[in-house]
Protein backbone atom coordinates (compact mmCIF):
# COMPACT_ATOMS: atom_id res chain seq x y z
CA UNK A 1 0.00 0.00 0.00
CA UNK A 2 1.31 3.43 -0.95
CA UNK A 3 2.01 5.97 1.78
CA UNK A 4 -0.06 9.15 1.98
CA UNK A 5 0.92 12.72 2.83
CA UNK A 6 -0.47 12.09 6.30
CA UNK A 7 1.79 9.03 6.70
CA UNK A 8 4.87 11.03 5.70
CA UNK A 9 3.82 13.93 7.93
CA UNK A 10 3.48 11.57 10.90
CA UNK A 11 6.95 10.14 10.19
CA UNK A 12 8.43 13.65 10.29
CA UNK A 13 6.59 14.43 13.54
CA UNK A 14 7.76 11.16 15.09
CA UNK A 15 11.35 11.91 14.09
CA UNK A 16 11.06 15.44 15.51
CA UNK A 17 9.81 14.13 18.85
CA UNK A 18 12.58 11.53 19.05
CA UNK A 19 15.57 13.37 17.53
CA UNK A 20 14.56 16.89 16.53
CA UNK A 21 16.79 18.78 18.93
CA UNK A 22 16.73 22.54 18.42
CA UNK A 23 14.73 22.09 15.19
CA UNK A 24 11.97 20.05 16.85
CA UNK A 25 9.18 22.65 16.66
CA UNK A 26 9.98 23.55 13.05
CA UNK A 27 10.02 19.86 12.05
CA UNK A 28 6.71 19.21 13.82
CA UNK A 29 5.10 22.11 11.96
CA UNK A 30 6.48 20.78 8.65
CA UNK A 31 5.02 17.36 9.43
CA UNK A 32 1.63 18.84 10.33
CA UNK A 33 1.53 20.91 7.14
CA UNK A 34 2.44 17.91 4.99
CA UNK A 35 -0.12 15.75 6.79
CA UNK A 36 -2.89 18.20 5.99
CA UNK A 37 -2.38 17.52 2.30
CA UNK A 38 -1.77 21.08 1.09
CA UNK A 39 1.46 20.78 -0.92
CA UNK A 40 1.66 24.49 -1.78
CA UNK A 41 1.55 25.53 1.88
CA UNK A 42 4.09 22.80 2.75
CA UNK A 43 6.42 23.95 -0.05
CA UNK A 44 6.16 27.59 1.05
CA UNK A 45 7.02 26.57 4.61
CA UNK A 46 10.01 24.53 3.37
CA UNK A 47 11.24 27.66 1.55
CA UNK A 48 11.14 29.58 4.83
CA UNK A 49 13.04 26.94 6.85
CA UNK A 50 16.73 27.03 7.72
CA UNK A 51 18.91 24.78 5.58
CA UNK A 52 19.63 22.06 8.16
CA UNK A 53 16.02 21.23 9.15
CA UNK A 54 14.85 21.54 5.52
CA UNK A 55 17.50 19.03 4.43
CA UNK A 56 16.43 16.79 7.33
CA UNK A 57 12.83 16.83 6.02
CA UNK A 58 14.03 15.92 2.52
CA UNK A 59 16.21 13.10 3.87
CA UNK A 60 13.35 11.66 5.96
CA UNK A 61 11.03 11.77 2.94
CA UNK A 62 13.67 10.20 0.69
CA UNK A 63 14.48 7.41 3.15
CA UNK A 64 10.85 6.48 3.65
CA UNK A 65 9.88 6.83 -0.01
CA UNK A 66 12.58 4.31 -0.90
CA UNK A 67 11.12 1.90 1.68
CA UNK A 68 7.61 2.51 0.33
CA UNK A 69 8.78 1.59 -3.17
CA UNK A 70 10.29 -1.65 -2.01
């Protein structure tokens, strides 16, 4: 079964709660925005993020997308 935006958002939130450090709140907000299914709002928020947490979001999505594809 293919993962949804909500699934990916929850993964980001889970990561933030476990390992987010100083970027925890920003990562949680990114996860919530992705989970709501509004890609434009999520993309705009990504543009406003600092480089390190933004790259963390991309890495989390990449890692889990590869798992989703087998």
